Amino acid sequence: MKLLHASSLLLLLGVVSAVPSGLEVRDDRDKVPITLVDQPDQSASFRCGKHTYTGSDIYQAVQYAVALQSSGQTQGAHKYPQAFNNDDYKGNKLSFPNTCPADTNRQEYPLVSSPAYNGGKNNKNYRDERVVYYNKYEDDGDGHAKVYYCGIMTHDGANTGGFLLY
């Protein structure tokens, strides 16, 4: 009888240990190519506040954000990407390129070192930096989204609620 219980317990443990734990949903949003007009050199480094990012970090953030927009989704508690169609929250004038007019197509998305911010458990405490881009929902002729790089900005060093544009 004890042998039967022991065998049953071993069988149950074998079944339970075969069940994978902690599986995460695969996310290929960062694999959808975009054409980022006026993008910074992907191998160069850019200082934004106290942090440094590569052009690749910037591209990946915009790429991920555009994929979210295309699927009607957002990430995180603040629902990024979101429109940045004004200056900053204090009304300070930010000088964006002419390809980035102040309307709801101008978007902001959190900027973190690779991989891009995805609202997941590793991105709960994203920094104060954002990438700003302009999405006219155009096609580049090769079936990829064509968006315009506007700049990177941070709250770090700005007046409370304000931004500094780099």
Protein backbone atom coordinates (compact mmCIF):
# COMPACT_ATOMS: atom_id res chain seq x y z
CA MET A 1 0.00 0.00 0.00
CA LYS A 2 2.82 2.38 0.92
CA LEU A 3 4.49 1.54 -2.37
CA LEU A 4 1.30 2.48 -4.24
CA HIS A 5 1.11 5.88 -2.46
CA ALA A 6 4.80 6.53 -3.08
CA SER A 7 4.42 5.65 -6.76
CA SER A 8 1.39 7.93 -7.08
CA LEU A 9 3.26 10.78 -5.40
CA LEU A 10 6.26 10.39 -7.70
CA LEU A 11 3.99 10.31 -10.74
CA LEU A 12 2.22 13.48 -9.58
CA LEU A 13 5.53 15.27 -8.94
CA GLY A 14 6.74 14.28 -12.40
CA VAL A 15 3.62 15.74 -14.02
CA VAL A 16 3.79 18.98 -12.00
CA SER A 17 7.49 19.50 -12.72
CA ALA A 18 6.85 19.06 -16.45
CA VAL A 19 4.53 22.09 -16.51
CA PRO A 20 6.54 25.16 -17.55
CA SER A 21 6.46 28.06 -15.13
CA GLY A 22 6.74 31.77 -15.72
CA LEU A 23 6.15 31.71 -19.45
CA GLU A 24 5.91 35.16 -20.98
CA VAL A 25 4.06 36.06 -24.12
CA ARG A 26 6.42 36.51 -27.03
CA ASP A 27 6.52 40.10 -28.22
CA ASP A 28 7.76 40.80 -31.75
CA ARG A 29 6.64 44.41 -32.00
CA ASP A 30 10.26 45.52 -32.19
CA LYS A 31 10.77 43.37 -35.30
CA VAL A 32 8.43 45.42 -37.53
CA PRO A 33 10.67 47.71 -39.61
CA ILE A 34 9.91 51.41 -39.88
CA THR A 35 11.48 54.25 -41.80
CA LEU A 36 12.50 56.87 -39.26
CA VAL A 37 13.17 60.09 -41.17
CA ASP A 38 15.99 62.23 -39.72
CA GLN A 39 16.87 59.48 -37.27
CA PRO A 40 20.09 59.77 -35.31
CA ASP A 41 23.03 57.53 -36.23
CA GLN A 42 22.20 54.16 -34.65
CA SER A 43 25.77 53.58 -33.47
CA ALA A 44 26.19 57.06 -31.94
CA SER A 45 25.58 57.96 -28.29
CA PHE A 46 23.29 60.77 -27.16
CA ARG A 47 23.12 62.39 -23.76
CA CYS A 48 19.66 63.20 -22.41
CA GLY A 49 19.69 64.59 -18.89
CA LYS A 50 21.93 62.35 -16.81
CA HIS A 51 21.62 59.33 -19.09
CA THR A 52 23.16 58.28 -22.39
CA TYR A 53 21.33 56.39 -25.11
CA THR A 54 22.35 55.05 -28.50
CA GLY A 55 20.66 55.85 -31.77
CA SER A 56 19.60 52.21 -31.75
CA ASP A 57 17.79 52.70 -28.39
CA ILE A 58 15.97 55.66 -29.93
CA TYR A 59 15.03 53.73 -33.10
CA GLN A 60 13.78 50.74 -31.09
CA ALA A 61 11.60 52.95 -28.88
CA VAL A 62 9.96 54.59 -31.91
CA GLN A 63 9.64 51.25 -33.69
CA TYR A 64 7.88 49.70 -30.70
CA ALA A 65 5.64 52.74 -30.19
CA VAL A 66 4.56 52.78 -33.86
CA ALA A 67 3.73 49.06 -33.69
CA LEU A 68 1.56 49.77 -30.64
CA GLN A 69 -0.20 52.63 -32.46
CA SER A 70 -0.78 50.45 -35.52
CA SER A 71 -2.50 47.83 -33.37
CA GLY A 72 -4.47 50.37 -31.30
CA GLN A 73 -2.64 49.45 -28.10
CA THR A 74 -0.79 51.30 -25.35
CA GLN A 75 1.65 50.29 -22.63
CA GLY A 76 1.99 51.17 -18.96
CA ALA A 77 -0.09 53.15 -16.50
CA HIS A 78 0.29 56.35 -18.54
CA LYS A 79 -0.85 54.62 -21.73
CA TYR A 80 2.14 55.24 -24.01
CA PRO A 81 2.49 56.22 -26.76
CA GLN A 82 0.53 59.38 -26.17
CA ALA A 83 0.08 62.66 -27.98
CA PHE A 84 2.54 65.43 -27.18
CA ASN A 85 0.78 68.16 -29.13
CA ASN A 86 1.75 71.08 -26.92
CA ASP A 87 4.96 72.39 -25.50
CA ASP A 88 5.64 71.16 -21.99
CA TYR A 89 3.25 71.05 -19.06
CA LYS A 90 4.46 74.44 -17.88
CA GLY A 91 3.93 76.05 -21.27
CA ASN A 92 7.66 76.37 -21.99
CA LYS A 93 8.29 76.55 -25.72
CA LEU A 94 10.08 73.51 -27.12
CA SER A 95 11.63 73.92 -30.59
CA PHE A 96 10.79 70.88 -32.67
CA PRO A 97 11.76 70.49 -36.35
CA ASN A 98 9.24 71.65 -38.99
CA THR A 99 8.41 67.98 -39.70
CA CYS A 100 6.98 67.74 -36.16
CA PRO A 101 4.09 70.21 -35.91
CA ALA A 102 2.06 70.54 -32.71
CA ASP A 103 -0.90 68.25 -33.33
CA THR A 104 -2.02 64.84 -32.12
CA ASN A 105 0.28 63.03 -34.58
CA ARG A 106 3.26 64.16 -32.51
CA GLN A 107 3.77 61.40 -29.97
CA GLU A 108 5.97 60.69 -26.96
CA TYR A 109 7.20 57.32 -25.72
CA PRO A 110 9.45 56.39 -22.78
CA LEU A 111 13.12 56.06 -23.69
CA VAL A 112 15.07 53.30 -21.96
CA SER A 113 18.18 51.39 -22.92
CA SER A 114 17.52 48.41 -25.17
CA PRO A 115 15.13 46.64 -25.26
CA ALA A 116 12.38 49.20 -25.71
CA TYR A 117 9.95 50.08 -22.92
CA ASN A 118 7.09 47.57 -23.01
CA GLY A 119 5.19 48.30 -19.81
CA GLY A 120 6.27 44.95 -18.40
CA LYS A 121 7.61 44.02 -14.99
CA ASN A 122 11.12 45.24 -15.88
CA ASN A 123 9.84 48.66 -16.97
CA LYS A 124 7.80 49.75 -13.96
CA ASN A 125 10.24 52.50 -13.05
CA TYR A 126 11.13 54.02 -16.39
CA ARG A 127 13.13 57.21 -16.32
CA ASP A 128 12.15 60.76 -17.19
CA GLU A 129 13.37 60.58 -20.79
CA ARG A 130 11.06 60.39 -23.80
CA VAL A 131 11.55 60.07 -27.51
CA VAL A 132 9.27 62.32 -29.56
CA TYR A 133 8.24 61.37 -33.09
CA TYR A 134 5.65 62.41 -35.64
CA ASN A 135 3.43 59.75 -37.21
CA LYS A 136 1.38 60.85 -40.23
CA TYR A 137 0.43 57.21 -40.85
CA GLU A 138 2.33 57.28 -44.13
CA ASP A 139 3.86 54.36 -45.99
CA ASP A 140 7.48 54.54 -47.16
CA GLY A 141 6.68 52.75 -50.44
CA ASP A 142 8.06 49.43 -49.16
CA GLY A 143 5.14 48.71 -46.86
CA HIS A 144 6.80 50.14 -43.76
CA ALA A 145 5.51 52.98 -41.61
CA LYS A 146 7.23 56.29 -42.35
CA VAL A 147 7.61 58.43 -39.22
CA TYR A 148 9.66 61.50 -38.36
CA TYR A 149 12.16 61.81 -35.53
CA CYS A 150 11.53 64.96 -33.48
CA GLY A 151 14.00 64.63 -30.62
CA ILE A 152 14.55 63.29 -27.13
CA MET A 153 13.52 65.12 -23.99
CA THR A 154 13.72 64.79 -20.22
CA HIS A 155 12.20 66.19 -17.05
CA ASP A 156 15.68 66.04 -15.48
CA GLY A 157 16.98 69.58 -15.01
CA ALA A 158 13.72 71.23 -16.14
CA ASN A 159 11.28 73.17 -13.98
CA THR A 160 8.76 70.90 -12.22
CA GLY A 161 6.45 69.45 -14.87
CA GLY A 162 8.65 70.81 -17.65
CA PHE A 163 10.87 69.21 -20.26
CA LEU A 164 14.25 69.94 -21.80
CA LEU A 165 14.53 68.99 -25.47
CA TYR A 166 17.79 67.56 -26.82
